[in-house]
Amino acid sequence: MHAESTKAGNGILRRLGTLAVLAAVLGGCTGAPPPEPSPAPSTPPTSAAPRPDLVVTLGTGDAAMGLRVLTIELTNEDTRPRTVRGYPSIRLRDAERDPIEVRVRHGSGSIATMEDFDAGPSTLTLEPGGTAVAGLVWRNTVTDATVPATEGKYLEVAPMEGEAWQEVPLDAPVDLGNTGELGVSAWAPPRQE
């Protein structure tokens, strides 16, 4: 009888072990979907680059007999005075925003004879709200019919070395013909009229 009770006990233990394994497996299969992962912390939407303290805009333009002149204005929108010296840096891009290779000369260079453009740099202190001006000059001249004419659809200006580039909307393209040359004057006080 002892052997039979041991057999019966072992059978019960095996059945209990099988039931325990089955219960563990079935316990993980409740039919309910797995818990949702906790949402990622919300991040505020990224904003555009902060507005620079020295803001570039375009002023008046003039196009006469193939000579083009465009005024660039610089406004100090900082709360403290800013010192400005030298020439703005200039880049042109085409309609697809690809860079245009252009020689940017300080002053009017061989483009024209213009005293204002060739005055050279001076140091200016712009109080908050104060402005300075510089100019661009170029000719819409085609000197070689085998070279395609260049049109800058986008103008980028860095007010000084170390300042960020700013895209400045153009009212009309910078139509260099095929000269590939642009003159820029130094920053100067605006003319008093």
Protein backbone atom coordinates (compact mmCIF):
# COMPACT_ATOMS: atom_id res chain seq x y z
CA MET A 1 0.00 0.00 0.00
CA HIS A 2 2.88 2.26 0.67
CA ALA A 3 4.12 1.96 -2.92
CA GLU A 4 0.66 2.78 -4.27
CA SER A 5 0.33 5.86 -2.09
CA THR A 6 3.78 7.04 -3.16
CA LYS A 7 2.80 6.55 -6.81
CA ALA A 8 -0.42 8.40 -6.24
CA GLY A 9 1.44 11.18 -4.43
CA ASN A 10 3.96 11.47 -7.27
CA GLY A 11 1.11 11.60 -9.79
CA ILE A 12 -0.56 14.37 -7.84
CA LEU A 13 2.69 16.27 -7.60
CA ARG A 14 3.25 15.93 -11.33
CA ARG A 15 -0.25 17.13 -12.05
CA LEU A 16 0.18 20.05 -9.66
CA GLY A 17 3.52 20.92 -11.29
CA THR A 18 1.93 20.78 -14.73
CA LEU A 19 -0.95 22.94 -13.52
CA ALA A 20 1.49 25.44 -12.01
CA VAL A 21 3.39 25.73 -15.29
CA LEU A 22 0.14 26.00 -17.23
CA ALA A 23 -1.17 28.64 -14.83
CA ALA A 24 2.03 30.65 -15.22
CA VAL A 25 1.83 30.49 -19.02
CA LEU A 26 -1.86 31.29 -19.11
CA GLY A 27 -1.42 34.06 -16.57
CA GLY A 28 0.65 35.95 -19.12
CA CYS A 29 -2.07 35.46 -21.78
CA THR A 30 -4.92 37.44 -20.32
CA GLY A 31 -6.19 38.61 -23.69
CA ALA A 32 -5.70 42.22 -22.60
CA PRO A 33 -3.29 44.29 -24.64
CA PRO A 34 0.07 44.97 -23.07
CA PRO A 35 0.20 48.21 -21.11
CA GLU A 36 0.92 51.31 -23.20
CA PRO A 37 4.37 52.74 -22.69
CA SER A 38 4.27 55.99 -20.81
CA PRO A 39 4.30 58.94 -23.20
CA ALA A 40 7.60 60.68 -23.83
CA PRO A 41 7.89 63.99 -22.05
CA SER A 42 6.47 66.67 -24.27
CA THR A 43 9.05 68.97 -25.79
CA PRO A 44 8.08 72.42 -26.90
CA PRO A 45 8.21 72.93 -30.66
CA THR A 46 11.54 74.24 -31.82
CA SER A 47 11.37 77.83 -32.88
CA ALA A 48 13.32 79.54 -35.61
CA ALA A 49 16.71 80.99 -34.82
CA PRO A 50 16.46 83.94 -32.47
CA ARG A 51 16.28 87.32 -34.16
CA PRO A 52 19.74 88.87 -34.34
CA ASP A 53 20.60 92.07 -32.49
CA LEU A 54 21.97 93.65 -35.66
CA VAL A 55 19.20 93.34 -38.26
CA VAL A 56 19.84 93.72 -41.99
CA THR A 57 17.17 95.06 -44.36
CA LEU A 58 17.25 96.55 -47.84
CA GLY A 59 16.74 100.19 -48.57
CA THR A 60 16.37 101.89 -51.91
CA GLY A 61 17.72 100.69 -55.22
CA ASP A 62 18.60 102.38 -58.48
CA ALA A 63 19.15 100.90 -61.93
CA ALA A 64 20.30 103.23 -64.64
CA MET A 65 22.09 102.42 -67.89
CA GLY A 66 23.23 98.99 -66.71
CA LEU A 67 24.65 100.25 -63.38
CA ARG A 68 22.78 98.90 -60.36
CA VAL A 69 22.99 100.32 -56.83
CA LEU A 70 21.25 98.88 -53.77
CA THR A 71 21.30 100.22 -50.21
CA ILE A 72 21.70 97.82 -47.27
CA GLU A 73 20.52 99.05 -43.87
CA LEU A 74 21.69 97.76 -40.48
CA THR A 75 19.63 98.47 -37.35
CA ASN A 76 20.77 97.86 -33.78
CA GLU A 77 17.84 96.11 -32.10
CA ASP A 78 19.87 95.29 -29.01
CA THR A 79 19.25 97.07 -25.69
CA ARG A 80 22.87 98.23 -25.55
CA PRO A 81 25.10 100.16 -27.96
CA ARG A 82 26.88 98.07 -30.62
CA THR A 83 30.11 98.87 -32.43
CA VAL A 84 30.18 98.32 -36.18
CA ARG A 85 33.25 98.48 -38.39
CA GLY A 86 34.20 97.28 -41.83
CA TYR A 87 32.23 95.79 -44.68
CA PRO A 88 29.23 93.50 -44.70
CA SER A 89 29.88 90.02 -46.12
CA ILE A 90 27.75 89.18 -49.14
CA ARG A 91 26.57 85.88 -50.68
CA LEU A 92 24.22 85.33 -53.62
CA ARG A 93 22.12 82.27 -54.40
CA ASP A 94 20.23 81.32 -57.54
CA ALA A 95 16.55 80.33 -57.83
CA GLU A 96 17.35 76.82 -56.49
CA ARG A 97 19.27 78.42 -53.60
CA ASP A 98 22.59 77.13 -54.91
CA PRO A 99 25.54 79.47 -54.25
CA ILE A 100 26.58 81.75 -57.10
CA GLU A 101 30.28 82.32 -57.56
CA VAL A 102 30.80 86.06 -57.43
CA ARG A 103 33.80 88.27 -56.70
CA VAL A 104 32.84 90.72 -53.96
CA ARG A 105 35.15 93.73 -53.96
CA HIS A 106 35.47 96.31 -51.18
CA GLY A 107 34.50 99.61 -52.73
CA SER A 108 33.31 100.13 -56.26
CA GLY A 109 36.41 98.51 -57.79
CA SER A 110 36.40 98.48 -61.56
CA ILE A 111 32.59 98.57 -61.66
CA ALA A 112 32.23 102.36 -61.44
CA THR A 113 33.83 105.43 -59.90
CA MET A 114 31.82 106.29 -56.80
CA GLU A 115 33.35 108.28 -53.95
CA ASP A 116 30.80 107.05 -51.38
CA PHE A 117 31.72 103.45 -52.10
CA ASP A 118 35.45 104.02 -51.84
CA ALA A 119 35.52 106.01 -48.57
CA GLY A 120 36.79 103.00 -46.56
CA PRO A 121 35.72 101.71 -43.17
CA SER A 122 35.31 103.73 -39.99
CA THR A 123 34.17 102.69 -36.52
CA LEU A 124 30.52 103.43 -35.75
CA THR A 125 28.71 103.10 -32.44
CA LEU A 126 25.04 102.33 -32.96
CA GLU A 127 22.83 103.19 -30.02
CA PRO A 128 19.71 101.01 -29.59
CA GLY A 129 17.54 101.72 -32.63
CA GLY A 130 20.47 103.33 -34.45
CA THR A 131 21.24 102.52 -38.08
CA ALA A 132 24.15 102.29 -40.50
CA VAL A 133 24.09 101.86 -44.26
CA ALA A 134 26.26 100.17 -46.87
CA GLY A 135 25.73 99.77 -50.57
CA LEU A 136 26.02 97.20 -53.32
CA VAL A 137 26.95 98.13 -56.86
CA TRP A 138 27.13 95.97 -60.00
CA ARG A 139 26.66 96.13 -63.73
CA ASN A 140 24.26 94.07 -65.76
CA THR A 141 26.78 93.56 -68.53
CA VAL A 142 27.20 90.64 -70.90
CA THR A 143 30.76 90.62 -72.20
CA ASP A 144 30.88 87.03 -73.46
CA ALA A 145 27.88 85.46 -75.19
CA THR A 146 29.23 81.95 -74.43
CA VAL A 147 28.99 82.53 -70.66
CA PRO A 148 25.47 82.38 -69.17
CA ALA A 149 24.20 85.53 -67.44
CA THR A 150 23.94 85.28 -63.66
CA GLU A 151 20.90 86.25 -61.59
CA GLY A 152 21.02 86.22 -57.81
CA LYS A 153 17.51 85.53 -56.52
CA TYR A 154 18.51 85.39 -52.85
CA LEU A 155 20.86 87.73 -50.99
CA GLU A 156 22.56 86.78 -47.72
CA VAL A 157 24.37 89.33 -45.59
CA ALA A 158 26.54 88.92 -42.49
CA PRO A 159 26.84 92.38 -40.86
CA MET A 160 30.40 91.71 -39.62
CA GLU A 161 32.76 88.83 -39.04
CA GLY A 162 31.34 86.55 -36.34
CA GLU A 163 27.73 87.63 -36.95
CA ALA A 164 25.18 85.20 -38.40
CA TRP A 165 24.17 85.27 -42.06
CA GLN A 166 20.76 86.81 -42.69
CA GLU A 167 18.69 86.22 -45.80
CA VAL A 168 17.38 89.53 -47.07
CA PRO A 169 14.40 89.45 -49.49
CA LEU A 170 15.12 91.01 -52.86
CA ASP A 171 12.51 93.04 -54.77
CA ALA A 172 14.37 92.32 -58.01
CA PRO A 173 17.20 89.90 -58.84
CA VAL A 174 20.85 90.87 -58.65
CA ASP A 175 21.41 90.60 -62.40
CA LEU A 176 25.19 90.47 -62.83
CA GLY A 177 25.15 89.63 -66.52
CA ASN A 178 28.29 87.53 -66.82
CA THR A 179 30.64 89.93 -65.04
CA GLY A 180 30.50 87.91 -61.79
CA GLU A 181 31.52 91.02 -59.87
CA LEU A 182 29.85 92.94 -57.07
CA GLY A 183 31.13 95.96 -55.12
CA VAL A 184 30.23 96.65 -51.48
CA SER A 185 30.86 99.79 -49.46
CA ALA A 186 31.79 99.94 -45.78
CA TRP A 187 29.18 100.61 -43.11
CA ALA A 188 28.61 104.35 -42.74
CA PRO A 189 26.14 106.66 -40.97
CA PRO A 190 22.95 107.24 -42.95
CA ARG A 191 22.92 110.42 -44.99
CA GLN A 192 21.11 113.31 -43.39
CA GLU A 193 18.76 114.95 -45.87
